[in-house]
Protein backbone atom coordinates (compact mmCIF):
# COMPACT_ATOMS: atom_id res chain seq x y z
CA MET A 1 -5.54 -3.52 -28.77
CA VAL A 2 -2.29 -5.43 -29.41
CA GLY A 3 -0.33 -3.37 -26.93
CA LEU A 4 -2.70 -4.14 -24.07
CA TRP A 5 -2.81 -7.83 -24.94
CA ILE A 6 0.89 -7.94 -24.09
CA ALA A 7 0.20 -6.82 -20.53
CA SER A 8 -2.74 -9.14 -19.97
CA LEU A 9 -1.05 -12.20 -21.44
CA ALA A 10 2.02 -11.53 -19.35
CA ALA A 11 -0.17 -11.35 -16.26
CA SER A 12 -1.88 -14.63 -17.12
CA GLN A 13 1.23 -16.73 -17.75
CA THR A 14 2.45 -19.18 -15.15
CA PRO A 15 5.31 -17.57 -13.22
CA GLU A 16 8.59 -19.43 -12.91
CA GLU A 17 9.60 -20.59 -9.43
CA PRO A 18 12.59 -18.59 -8.10
CA ALA A 19 15.74 -20.48 -7.29
CA GLU A 20 16.08 -21.53 -3.67
CA GLY A 21 17.43 -18.70 -1.56
CA GLN A 22 16.70 -16.06 -4.18
CA PRO A 23 13.89 -13.52 -3.87
CA ALA A 24 11.02 -13.67 -6.34
CA GLU A 25 11.29 -11.17 -9.16
CA GLU A 26 9.07 -8.13 -8.89
CA PRO A 27 6.89 -7.21 -11.89
CA ASP A 28 8.64 -4.96 -14.38
CA ALA A 29 7.18 -1.59 -13.37
CA GLU A 30 8.84 0.15 -16.31
CA GLN A 31 7.30 -2.25 -18.82
CA THR A 32 3.87 -1.88 -17.18
CA LEU A 33 4.19 1.90 -17.37
CA GLU A 34 5.12 1.70 -21.06
CA VAL A 35 2.05 -0.38 -21.84
CA THR A 36 -0.20 2.01 -19.91
CA VAL A 37 1.27 5.08 -21.60
CA TYR A 38 0.89 3.38 -24.99
CA GLY A 39 -2.77 2.66 -24.20
CA GLU A 40 -3.34 6.27 -23.16
CA MET A 41 -1.73 7.44 -26.40
CA LEU A 42 -4.07 5.26 -28.46
CA VAL A 43 -7.07 6.67 -26.58
CA GLU A 44 -5.96 10.24 -27.27
CA GLN A 45 -5.30 9.51 -30.96
CA ALA A 46 -8.75 7.95 -31.38
CA ARG A 47 -10.43 10.83 -29.57
CA GLN A 48 -8.60 13.39 -31.69
CA ALA A 49 -9.90 11.65 -34.81
CA VAL A 50 -13.45 12.14 -33.49
CA VAL A 51 -12.78 15.82 -32.75
CA GLU A 52 -11.36 16.40 -36.24
CA GLU A 53 -14.47 14.83 -37.76
CA LEU A 54 -16.66 17.12 -35.66
CA GLU A 55 -14.68 20.16 -36.77
CA GLU A 56 -15.12 19.20 -40.41
CA LEU A 57 -18.87 19.02 -39.79
CA GLY A 58 -18.87 22.51 -38.25
CA PHE A 59 -19.06 21.60 -34.54
CA ASP A 60 -16.41 24.08 -33.50
CA HIS A 61 -18.40 27.25 -32.82
CA ASP A 62 -18.35 26.70 -29.05
CA VAL A 63 -16.23 24.12 -27.20
CA ILE A 64 -17.32 23.81 -23.57
CA GLU A 65 -15.18 21.67 -21.23
CA MET A 66 -16.91 20.18 -18.21
CA ALA A 67 -15.87 17.76 -15.44
CA ASP A 68 -16.48 14.53 -17.36
CA ARG A 69 -17.40 15.70 -20.88
CA VAL A 70 -16.77 18.24 -23.62
CA VAL A 71 -19.58 19.91 -25.59
CA TYR A 72 -19.05 20.85 -29.26
CA ARG A 73 -21.66 23.24 -30.69
CA HIS A 74 -22.33 23.77 -34.36
CA VAL A 75 -22.02 27.24 -35.81
CA GLU A 76 -25.66 26.89 -36.91
CA PRO A 77 -27.73 26.25 -33.75
CA TRP A 78 -30.39 24.13 -35.49
CA ARG A 79 -27.72 21.54 -36.31
CA GLY A 80 -27.35 20.84 -32.58
CA GLU A 81 -24.38 19.95 -30.42
CA VAL A 82 -22.30 16.86 -29.74
CA VAL A 83 -21.25 15.80 -26.25
CA LEU A 84 -18.18 13.58 -25.86
CA PHE A 85 -17.98 11.84 -22.48
CA ASP A 86 -14.61 10.87 -21.00
CA ASP A 87 -15.62 7.20 -20.78
CA GLY A 88 -15.91 6.93 -24.56
CA TRP A 89 -19.44 7.61 -25.69
CA MET A 90 -21.22 10.36 -27.58
CA GLN A 91 -24.57 12.16 -27.37
CA VAL A 92 -26.10 14.32 -30.12
CA LYS A 93 -28.67 16.82 -28.86
CA ARG A 94 -30.36 20.12 -29.62
CA GLN A 95 -28.64 23.32 -28.67
CA PRO A 96 -30.35 25.16 -25.80
CA LEU A 97 -31.56 28.75 -25.95
CA GLN A 98 -28.47 30.95 -25.89
CA VAL A 99 -27.68 34.62 -25.42
CA GLU A 100 -24.46 35.95 -26.90
CA GLY A 101 -22.88 39.15 -28.09
CA ARG A 102 -23.06 38.61 -31.84
CA GLU A 103 -19.99 39.24 -33.96
CA VAL A 104 -20.34 42.38 -36.08
CA PRO A 105 -17.95 44.20 -38.41
CA TRP A 106 -16.84 46.52 -35.61
CA ALA A 107 -16.69 43.97 -32.74
CA LYS A 108 -15.69 40.35 -32.19
CA ARG A 109 -18.11 37.86 -30.67
CA ASN A 110 -18.80 38.23 -26.92
CA THR A 111 -16.54 41.28 -26.53
CA PRO A 112 -17.76 44.24 -24.45
CA LEU A 113 -18.57 46.17 -27.63
CA ALA A 114 -20.58 43.23 -29.00
CA TRP A 115 -22.52 42.94 -25.72
CA ALA A 116 -23.23 46.67 -25.85
CA GLY A 117 -25.13 46.03 -29.08
CA CYS A 118 -27.50 43.77 -27.15
CA LEU A 119 -28.77 46.80 -25.26
CA ILE A 120 -29.88 48.35 -28.55
CA TYR A 121 -31.03 45.21 -30.37
CA PRO A 122 -31.68 42.59 -27.65
CA TRP A 123 -33.46 40.18 -30.03
CA ALA A 124 -30.31 40.02 -32.16
CA CYS A 125 -28.42 38.40 -29.28
CA LEU A 126 -30.79 35.46 -28.91
CA ARG A 127 -29.94 32.14 -30.58
CA VAL A 128 -33.23 30.25 -30.63
CA ASN A 129 -32.89 28.04 -33.72
CA GLY A 130 -31.69 25.12 -31.63
CA VAL A 131 -35.00 24.80 -29.79
CA MET A 132 -37.30 26.03 -32.57
CA VAL A 133 -36.34 23.57 -35.32
CA GLY A 134 -39.10 21.07 -36.11
CA GLN A 135 -38.96 17.46 -34.89
CA ARG A 136 -38.72 15.89 -38.36
CA LYS A 137 -35.95 18.23 -39.48
CA TRP A 138 -34.07 17.70 -36.24
CA ARG A 139 -34.28 13.91 -36.44
CA ALA A 140 -32.92 13.97 -39.98
CA ARG A 141 -30.01 16.17 -38.92
CA GLU A 142 -29.35 14.07 -35.82
CA THR A 143 -29.18 10.91 -37.94
CA LEU A 144 -26.74 12.50 -40.39
CA THR A 145 -24.44 13.59 -37.56
CA VAL A 146 -24.49 10.19 -35.85
CA THR A 147 -23.86 8.37 -39.14
CA ALA A 148 -20.86 10.57 -39.91
CA VAL A 149 -19.20 10.43 -36.49
CA GLN A 150 -20.22 7.08 -34.98
CA PRO A 151 -17.56 4.88 -36.70
CA LYS A 152 -14.73 6.94 -35.19
CA VAL A 153 -16.53 7.12 -31.84
CA GLU A 154 -16.67 3.31 -31.78
CA VAL A 155 -12.91 3.11 -32.33
CA TRP A 156 -12.37 5.63 -29.54
CA SER A 157 -14.71 3.70 -27.22
CA ASP A 158 -12.80 0.49 -27.94
CA ARG A 159 -9.49 2.14 -27.08
CA VAL A 160 -10.97 3.45 -23.81
CA ALA A 161 -12.14 -0.09 -23.00
CA ASP A 162 -8.71 -1.50 -23.91
CA LEU A 163 -7.03 0.88 -21.49
CA ALA A 164 -9.50 0.19 -18.69
CA VAL A 165 -9.13 -3.57 -19.04
CA GLY A 166 -5.34 -3.30 -19.29
CA ARG A 167 -5.28 -1.45 -15.98
CA LYS A 168 -7.64 -3.98 -14.43
CA VAL A 169 -5.52 -6.92 -15.56
CA GLU A 170 -2.42 -5.23 -14.15
CA ALA A 171 -4.09 -5.03 -10.72
CA LEU A 172 -5.74 -8.45 -10.94
CA PRO A 173 -2.85 -10.65 -9.68
CA GLN A 174 -2.81 -8.80 -6.35
CA LEU A 175 -6.60 -9.06 -6.02
CA LEU A 176 -6.57 -12.78 -6.84
CA GLU A 177 -3.74 -13.40 -4.36
CA ALA A 178 -5.61 -11.54 -1.61
CA LEU A 179 -8.69 -13.63 -2.33
CA TRP A 180 -6.82 -16.92 -2.27
CA LEU A 181 -4.48 -16.32 0.67
CA GLU A 182 -6.60 -14.03 2.88
CA GLY A 183 -10.17 -14.61 1.72
CA ARG A 184 -10.67 -11.00 0.65
CA PRO A 185 -13.45 -10.82 -2.00
CA ILE A 186 -12.42 -9.27 -5.31
CA ASP A 187 -15.41 -6.92 -5.26
CA GLY A 188 -14.12 -5.32 -2.05
CA THR A 189 -16.89 -6.49 0.27
CA LEU A 190 -15.86 -6.82 3.90
CA GLN A 191 -17.00 -10.38 4.61
CA ARG A 192 -14.00 -12.72 4.46
CA LEU A 193 -14.18 -16.12 2.78
CA LEU A 194 -12.88 -18.45 5.48
CA THR A 195 -12.65 -21.75 3.60
CA TYR A 196 -10.69 -22.63 0.49
CA ARG A 197 -13.84 -24.19 -0.91
CA ASP A 198 -15.53 -20.77 -0.77
CA ARG A 199 -12.46 -19.12 -2.30
CA ARG A 200 -12.42 -21.59 -5.20
CA ALA A 201 -16.12 -20.92 -5.72
CA ALA A 202 -15.45 -17.16 -5.73
CA LEU A 203 -12.77 -17.60 -8.40
CA LEU A 204 -15.18 -19.57 -10.56
CA ASP A 205 -17.92 -17.01 -10.05
CA PHE A 206 -15.61 -14.12 -10.98
CA TRP A 207 -14.46 -15.99 -14.09
CA SER A 208 -18.00 -16.86 -15.18
CA THR A 209 -19.38 -13.33 -14.80
CA ARG A 210 -16.95 -11.69 -17.22
CA THR A 211 -18.55 -10.42 -20.43
CA GLU A 212 -18.41 -12.37 -23.68
CA THR A 213 -16.21 -9.75 -25.32
CA ALA A 214 -12.54 -9.43 -26.18
CA TRP A 215 -12.05 -7.51 -22.92
CA GLY A 216 -13.86 -10.13 -20.84
CA HIS A 217 -11.71 -12.86 -22.40
CA GLU A 218 -8.55 -10.98 -21.41
CA VAL A 219 -9.59 -11.00 -17.75
CA ARG A 220 -10.63 -14.65 -17.94
CA ARG A 221 -7.23 -15.66 -19.27
CA ALA A 222 -5.56 -13.84 -16.36
CA VAL A 223 -7.79 -15.73 -13.88
CA GLU A 224 -7.03 -19.05 -15.59
CA GLY A 225 -3.29 -18.34 -15.40
CA PHE A 226 -3.54 -17.64 -11.67
CA CYS A 227 -5.51 -20.82 -11.05
CA ARG A 228 -2.99 -22.97 -12.90
CA ALA A 229 0.04 -21.37 -11.26
CA VAL A 230 -1.22 -20.91 -7.70
CA VAL A 231 -4.43 -22.80 -6.91
CA GLN A 232 -3.61 -26.07 -8.64
CA SER A 233 -0.12 -26.21 -7.13
CA SER A 234 -1.43 -25.57 -3.62
CA ASP A 235 -2.74 -28.00 -1.02
CA HIS A 236 -6.29 -27.01 -1.94
CA PRO A 237 -6.67 -27.40 -5.73
CA PHE A 238 -9.96 -27.55 -7.62
CA LEU A 239 -11.61 -30.93 -7.18
CA PRO A 240 -12.76 -32.80 -10.28
CA ARG A 241 -16.35 -33.01 -9.02
CA GLU A 242 -16.69 -29.27 -8.35
CA LEU A 243 -15.35 -28.41 -11.81
CA GLU A 244 -17.66 -30.96 -13.43
CA ARG A 245 -20.59 -29.51 -11.49
CA PHE A 246 -19.60 -25.96 -12.44
CA ASN A 247 -19.16 -26.76 -16.15
CA ALA A 248 -22.34 -28.81 -16.47
CA GLY A 249 -24.63 -27.25 -19.06
CA ARG A 250 -22.31 -24.34 -19.83
CA GLU A 251 -21.40 -23.36 -23.37
CA VAL A 252 -18.17 -21.79 -22.13
CA ARG A 253 -16.42 -24.21 -19.78
CA PHE A 254 -13.75 -23.41 -17.23
CA PRO A 255 -10.58 -24.92 -18.81
CA MET A 256 -9.10 -26.61 -15.77
CA ARG A 257 -8.70 -30.18 -14.62
CA GLY A 258 -9.37 -31.11 -11.03
CA ALA A 259 -5.74 -32.00 -10.34
CA LEU A 260 -2.43 -31.52 -12.12
């Protein structure tokens, strides 16, 4: 997560004023790209660790790639299958009824010669153990699989969240600026906020609705940096009374004075 902190902290720091007559510096696109690529690399490394664990457990008989997930089936159908979703979570489930050309000494699995054997011995091509295993036996196997794989899945899920938040923080300055200068809501709704009072309220609402997690705190710090650098130096800063009213009764208080 350290790599993505760099991007979010950089986004939340107060920008220096450019010298008179000089254009403001543009964000370092190359540095942003490096952070994003680094985050993507960490996601792939964490996911590969999950896949290697699945392979050690025998979930490499069939690997089925779909639009937003990959299915890993165990060589023994009664042990089920594991589904890895692109957004970083896992599902362990029974294998469905399957028909396949069984591997035999004279033919590899699912080759034309193996399928020809199904015409002679059709029952030999059915894989039914996945749906026939008893509930108690299946629950025990499901628990063993989850216990073995879940720690690495949690690391992978965290890396996916790191990357998503890093990308969000990269885009946040532009969204905050559009809200403050043009009244465009951050959530993309069409109704403009016409007064600066409404825009300040929208900033507070966005800040307060972030989750109480490491990723939510990253976004909050970016919002706080924008408010210090832009809102409080404008002609329409937060008023002491509206901040006092907003912070009243809150465990987590917006860390801003009414005037600088």
